[in-house]
Amino acid sequence: MIKQDQDVLVTTSVWDSISDNYEEAENLRLRSELMSAIIVRINEFGWSQKVAAQNIGITQPRLSDLMRDKIDKFSLDALVNIARPLGITLKTAISDKTISI
């Protein structure tokens, strides 16, 4: 959430701080969480990047970008597709929040 307090901009998320708008911040937050879950799962399996890439169905350089947290190289859709072969599924929670401007 971004709030204006006199001349100071106060944010409640690191993503709010680096994003131009709420929608972009939320997308970055979701991608970051999913990337982290994917990295944790690959590490749990003890796979090398080569083996992980083969099992997931992507190239090793693409996996390397993921492992190095290059969030700008991955859409939310791409990460969902990468997560599925690892047994990672998503649940959605929809909330109706009123935003005051």
N, C-alpha and C. Protein backbone atom coordinates (compact mmCIF):
# COMPACT_ATOMS: atom_id res chain seq x y z
N MET A 1 0.84 -1.17 0.00
CA MET A 1 0.00 0.00 0.00
C MET A 1 0.89 1.24 0.00
N ILE A 2 0.53 2.21 -0.79
CA ILE A 2 1.29 3.45 -0.87
C ILE A 2 0.45 4.55 -0.25
N LYS A 3 1.04 5.28 0.69
CA LYS A 3 0.35 6.37 1.35
C LYS A 3 1.19 7.63 1.24
N GLN A 4 0.56 8.76 1.06
CA GLN A 4 1.25 10.04 1.02
C GLN A 4 1.06 10.69 2.39
N ASP A 5 2.15 11.00 3.07
CA ASP A 5 2.11 11.65 4.36
C ASP A 5 2.88 12.95 4.24
N GLN A 6 2.18 14.04 4.04
CA GLN A 6 2.76 15.35 3.75
C GLN A 6 3.73 15.23 2.58
N ASP A 7 5.00 15.43 2.80
CA ASP A 7 5.98 15.36 1.71
C ASP A 7 6.71 14.03 1.68
N VAL A 8 6.27 13.08 2.50
CA VAL A 8 6.96 11.80 2.60
C VAL A 8 6.06 10.70 2.04
N LEU A 9 6.63 9.88 1.17
CA LEU A 9 5.90 8.74 0.62
C LEU A 9 6.20 7.53 1.48
N VAL A 10 5.17 6.91 2.05
CA VAL A 10 5.32 5.76 2.93
C VAL A 10 4.77 4.54 2.20
N THR A 11 5.59 3.48 2.14
CA THR A 11 5.14 2.25 1.50
C THR A 11 5.17 1.12 2.51
N THR A 12 4.35 0.11 2.26
CA THR A 12 4.30 -1.04 3.16
C THR A 12 4.93 -2.27 2.55
N SER A 13 5.52 -2.13 1.37
CA SER A 13 6.12 -3.26 0.68
C SER A 13 7.32 -2.77 -0.12
N VAL A 14 8.34 -3.62 -0.18
CA VAL A 14 9.50 -3.28 -1.01
C VAL A 14 9.07 -3.14 -2.46
N TRP A 15 8.08 -3.94 -2.87
CA TRP A 15 7.61 -3.89 -4.25
C TRP A 15 6.91 -2.56 -4.53
N ASP A 16 6.19 -2.01 -3.55
CA ASP A 16 5.59 -0.70 -3.71
C ASP A 16 6.66 0.36 -3.93
N SER A 17 7.80 0.19 -3.26
CA SER A 17 8.87 1.17 -3.34
C SER A 17 9.52 1.23 -4.72
N ILE A 18 9.57 0.10 -5.40
CA ILE A 18 10.26 0.08 -6.69
C ILE A 18 9.30 0.06 -7.88
N SER A 19 8.02 0.10 -7.62
CA SER A 19 7.02 0.04 -8.68
C SER A 19 6.34 1.37 -8.86
N ASP A 20 5.85 1.58 -10.06
CA ASP A 20 5.13 2.82 -10.36
C ASP A 20 3.67 2.78 -9.90
N ASN A 21 3.13 1.56 -9.75
CA ASN A 21 1.73 1.46 -9.37
C ASN A 21 1.48 0.17 -8.59
N TYR A 22 0.31 0.10 -8.00
CA TYR A 22 -0.07 -1.04 -7.17
C TYR A 22 -0.09 -2.34 -7.96
N GLU A 23 -0.62 -2.29 -9.17
CA GLU A 23 -0.75 -3.51 -9.98
C GLU A 23 0.61 -4.12 -10.28
N GLU A 24 1.56 -3.28 -10.65
CA GLU A 24 2.91 -3.76 -10.93
C GLU A 24 3.55 -4.32 -9.66
N ALA A 25 3.36 -3.65 -8.54
CA ALA A 25 3.92 -4.11 -7.27
C ALA A 25 3.36 -5.48 -6.89
N GLU A 26 2.07 -5.66 -7.09
CA GLU A 26 1.44 -6.95 -6.75
C GLU A 26 1.96 -8.06 -7.66
N ASN A 27 2.13 -7.76 -8.94
CA ASN A 27 2.65 -8.74 -9.88
C ASN A 27 4.08 -9.13 -9.50
N LEU A 28 4.90 -8.17 -9.14
CA LEU A 28 6.27 -8.46 -8.71
C LEU A 28 6.28 -9.31 -7.44
N ARG A 29 5.40 -9.00 -6.51
CA ARG A 29 5.33 -9.77 -5.26
C ARG A 29 4.97 -11.22 -5.54
N LEU A 30 3.99 -11.43 -6.39
CA LEU A 30 3.56 -12.80 -6.72
C LEU A 30 4.67 -13.56 -7.46
N ARG A 31 5.32 -12.89 -8.40
CA ARG A 31 6.41 -13.56 -9.12
C ARG A 31 7.55 -13.91 -8.17
N SER A 32 7.87 -13.00 -7.26
CA SER A 32 8.95 -13.25 -6.31
C SER A 32 8.64 -14.45 -5.42
N GLU A 33 7.42 -14.52 -4.91
CA GLU A 33 7.03 -15.65 -4.05
C GLU A 33 7.10 -16.97 -4.80
N LEU A 34 6.63 -16.96 -6.04
CA LEU A 34 6.63 -18.19 -6.83
C LEU A 34 8.06 -18.59 -7.21
N MET A 35 8.88 -17.63 -7.56
CA MET A 35 10.29 -17.94 -7.87
C MET A 35 10.97 -18.56 -6.65
N SER A 36 10.73 -18.01 -5.49
CA SER A 36 11.33 -18.54 -4.27
C SER A 36 10.89 -19.98 -4.01
N ALA A 37 9.61 -20.26 -4.20
CA ALA A 37 9.10 -21.62 -4.00
C ALA A 37 9.73 -22.59 -4.98
N ILE A 38 9.91 -22.17 -6.22
CA ILE A 38 10.54 -23.02 -7.23
C ILE A 38 11.99 -23.31 -6.86
N ILE A 39 12.72 -22.30 -6.45
CA ILE A 39 14.12 -22.48 -6.06
C ILE A 39 14.25 -23.40 -4.86
N VAL A 40 13.38 -23.23 -3.88
CA VAL A 40 13.40 -24.09 -2.69
C VAL A 40 13.15 -25.54 -3.10
N ARG A 41 12.17 -25.78 -3.96
CA ARG A 41 11.84 -27.14 -4.36
C ARG A 41 13.01 -27.78 -5.13
N ILE A 42 13.63 -27.05 -6.03
CA ILE A 42 14.77 -27.59 -6.78
C ILE A 42 15.90 -27.95 -5.81
N ASN A 43 16.15 -27.09 -4.84
CA ASN A 43 17.19 -27.37 -3.85
C ASN A 43 16.83 -28.57 -2.98
N GLU A 44 15.55 -28.71 -2.64
CA GLU A 44 15.10 -29.88 -1.87
C GLU A 44 15.39 -31.18 -2.63
N PHE A 45 15.17 -31.15 -3.94
CA PHE A 45 15.43 -32.33 -4.77
C PHE A 45 16.92 -32.59 -4.94
N GLY A 46 17.74 -31.57 -4.70
CA GLY A 46 19.18 -31.73 -4.86
C GLY A 46 19.63 -31.83 -6.31
N TRP A 47 18.81 -31.30 -7.20
CA TRP A 47 19.12 -31.37 -8.62
C TRP A 47 20.17 -30.34 -9.03
N SER A 48 21.00 -30.72 -9.97
CA SER A 48 21.87 -29.74 -10.63
C SER A 48 20.98 -28.90 -11.54
N GLN A 49 21.50 -27.78 -12.01
CA GLN A 49 20.70 -26.96 -12.92
C GLN A 49 20.38 -27.71 -14.20
N LYS A 50 21.31 -28.52 -14.67
CA LYS A 50 21.08 -29.27 -15.90
C LYS A 50 19.93 -30.26 -15.72
N VAL A 51 19.97 -31.00 -14.62
CA VAL A 51 18.92 -32.00 -14.34
C VAL A 51 17.58 -31.31 -14.11
N ALA A 52 17.59 -30.23 -13.33
CA ALA A 52 16.35 -29.50 -13.06
C ALA A 52 15.73 -28.98 -14.34
N ALA A 53 16.55 -28.39 -15.20
CA ALA A 53 16.04 -27.86 -16.47
C ALA A 53 15.42 -28.96 -17.31
N GLN A 54 16.07 -30.11 -17.38
CA GLN A 54 15.52 -31.23 -18.14
C GLN A 54 14.19 -31.70 -17.56
N ASN A 55 14.11 -31.81 -16.25
CA ASN A 55 12.89 -32.28 -15.59
C ASN A 55 11.73 -31.28 -15.71
N ILE A 56 12.07 -30.01 -15.77
CA ILE A 56 11.04 -28.97 -15.86
C ILE A 56 10.63 -28.71 -17.31
N GLY A 57 11.56 -28.93 -18.22
CA GLY A 57 11.27 -28.70 -19.63
C GLY A 57 11.67 -27.32 -20.11
N ILE A 58 12.72 -26.75 -19.50
CA ILE A 58 13.26 -25.47 -19.95
C ILE A 58 14.76 -25.63 -20.18
N THR A 59 15.38 -24.62 -20.75
CA THR A 59 16.81 -24.70 -20.99
C THR A 59 17.58 -24.40 -19.71
N GLN A 60 18.81 -24.87 -19.64
CA GLN A 60 19.65 -24.61 -18.47
C GLN A 60 19.93 -23.11 -18.30
N PRO A 61 20.20 -22.36 -19.38
CA PRO A 61 20.39 -20.91 -19.19
C PRO A 61 19.13 -20.22 -18.63
N ARG A 62 17.96 -20.69 -19.04
CA ARG A 62 16.71 -20.12 -18.50
C ARG A 62 16.59 -20.44 -17.01
N LEU A 63 16.93 -21.66 -16.64
CA LEU A 63 16.90 -22.02 -15.23
C LEU A 63 17.92 -21.21 -14.44
N SER A 64 19.07 -20.98 -15.03
CA SER A 64 20.09 -20.17 -14.36
C SER A 64 19.56 -18.78 -14.06
N ASP A 65 18.83 -18.18 -15.00
CA ASP A 65 18.22 -16.86 -14.76
C ASP A 65 17.26 -16.92 -13.59
N LEU A 66 16.49 -18.00 -13.51
CA LEU A 66 15.54 -18.16 -12.40
C LEU A 66 16.29 -18.29 -11.07
N MET A 67 17.33 -19.12 -11.06
CA MET A 67 18.08 -19.37 -9.82
C MET A 67 18.82 -18.11 -9.35
N ARG A 68 19.10 -17.20 -10.27
CA ARG A 68 19.77 -15.95 -9.91
C ARG A 68 18.77 -14.81 -9.71
N ASP A 69 17.50 -15.17 -9.53
CA ASP A 69 16.44 -14.21 -9.20
C ASP A 69 16.27 -13.09 -10.22
N LYS A 70 16.42 -13.41 -11.49
CA LYS A 70 16.22 -12.41 -12.52
C LYS A 70 14.73 -12.30 -12.83
N ILE A 71 14.04 -11.66 -11.91
CA ILE A 71 12.58 -11.59 -11.93
C ILE A 71 12.05 -10.94 -13.20
N ASP A 72 12.80 -10.02 -13.76
CA ASP A 72 12.35 -9.31 -14.95
C ASP A 72 12.28 -10.21 -16.19
N LYS A 73 12.88 -11.38 -16.13
CA LYS A 73 12.89 -12.30 -17.27
C LYS A 73 11.73 -13.30 -17.26
N PHE A 74 10.87 -13.23 -16.24
CA PHE A 74 9.81 -14.23 -16.08
C PHE A 74 8.46 -13.56 -15.85
N SER A 75 7.49 -13.98 -16.64
CA SER A 75 6.11 -13.55 -16.40
C SER A 75 5.51 -14.47 -15.34
N LEU A 76 4.42 -14.05 -14.78
CA LEU A 76 3.72 -14.89 -13.80
C LEU A 76 3.25 -16.18 -14.48
N ASP A 77 2.79 -16.07 -15.70
CA ASP A 77 2.33 -17.23 -16.45
C ASP A 77 3.47 -18.24 -16.66
N ALA A 78 4.65 -17.75 -17.03
CA ALA A 78 5.80 -18.64 -17.24
C ALA A 78 6.17 -19.35 -15.95
N LEU A 79 6.13 -18.65 -14.84
CA LEU A 79 6.49 -19.25 -13.55
C LEU A 79 5.48 -20.31 -13.12
N VAL A 80 4.21 -20.08 -13.40
CA VAL A 80 3.18 -21.08 -13.10
C VAL A 80 3.48 -22.36 -13.89
N ASN A 81 3.85 -22.20 -15.15
CA ASN A 81 4.17 -23.36 -15.98
C ASN A 81 5.43 -24.09 -15.51
N ILE A 82 6.40 -23.36 -15.00
CA ILE A 82 7.62 -23.97 -14.47
C ILE A 82 7.33 -24.69 -13.15
N ALA A 83 6.46 -24.14 -12.34
CA ALA A 83 6.16 -24.69 -11.02
C ALA A 83 5.42 -26.03 -11.10
N ARG A 84 4.58 -26.19 -12.08
CA ARG A 84 3.71 -27.37 -12.16
C ARG A 84 4.48 -28.70 -12.17
N PRO A 85 5.54 -28.87 -13.00
CA PRO A 85 6.26 -30.15 -12.97
C PRO A 85 6.97 -30.42 -11.64
N LEU A 86 7.11 -29.38 -10.83
CA LEU A 86 7.75 -29.54 -9.52
C LEU A 86 6.73 -29.89 -8.43
N GLY A 87 5.47 -29.98 -8.81
CA GLY A 87 4.42 -30.30 -7.84
C GLY A 87 3.96 -29.09 -7.05
N ILE A 88 4.31 -27.91 -7.52
CA ILE A 88 3.89 -26.67 -6.86
C ILE A 88 2.60 -26.21 -7.51
N THR A 89 1.57 -26.07 -6.70
CA THR A 89 0.30 -25.57 -7.20
C THR A 89 -0.04 -24.28 -6.47
N LEU A 90 -0.90 -23.51 -7.06
CA LEU A 90 -1.27 -22.22 -6.49
C LEU A 90 -2.72 -22.25 -6.04
N LYS A 91 -2.99 -21.50 -5.00
CA LYS A 91 -4.35 -21.27 -4.56
C LYS A 91 -4.58 -19.77 -4.63
N THR A 92 -5.76 -19.38 -5.02
CA THR A 92 -6.05 -17.96 -5.10
C THR A 92 -6.96 -17.55 -3.95
N ALA A 93 -6.74 -16.35 -3.51
CA ALA A 93 -7.59 -15.74 -2.51
C ALA A 93 -7.96 -14.37 -3.04
N ILE A 94 -9.22 -14.16 -3.26
CA ILE A 94 -9.70 -12.92 -3.80
C ILE A 94 -10.28 -12.09 -2.65
N SER A 95 -9.82 -10.86 -2.55
CA SER A 95 -10.39 -10.00 -1.52
C SER A 95 -10.85 -8.71 -2.19
N ASP A 96 -11.88 -8.19 -1.67
CA ASP A 96 -12.47 -6.94 -2.20
C ASP A 96 -12.08 -5.83 -1.24
N LYS A 97 -11.03 -5.11 -1.61
CA LYS A 97 -10.57 -4.03 -0.75
C LYS A 97 -10.94 -2.70 -1.40
N THR A 98 -11.41 -1.80 -0.59
CA THR A 98 -11.71 -0.47 -1.06
C THR A 98 -10.46 0.38 -0.91
N ILE A 99 -10.07 1.00 -1.99
CA ILE A 99 -8.88 1.84 -1.98
C ILE A 99 -9.34 3.29 -1.98
N SER A 100 -8.89 4.03 -1.00
CA SER A 100 -9.22 5.45 -0.95
C SER A 100 -8.07 6.25 -1.56
N ILE A 101 -8.45 7.21 -2.35
CA ILE A 101 -7.44 8.04 -3.02
C ILE A 101 -7.49 9.44 -2.45
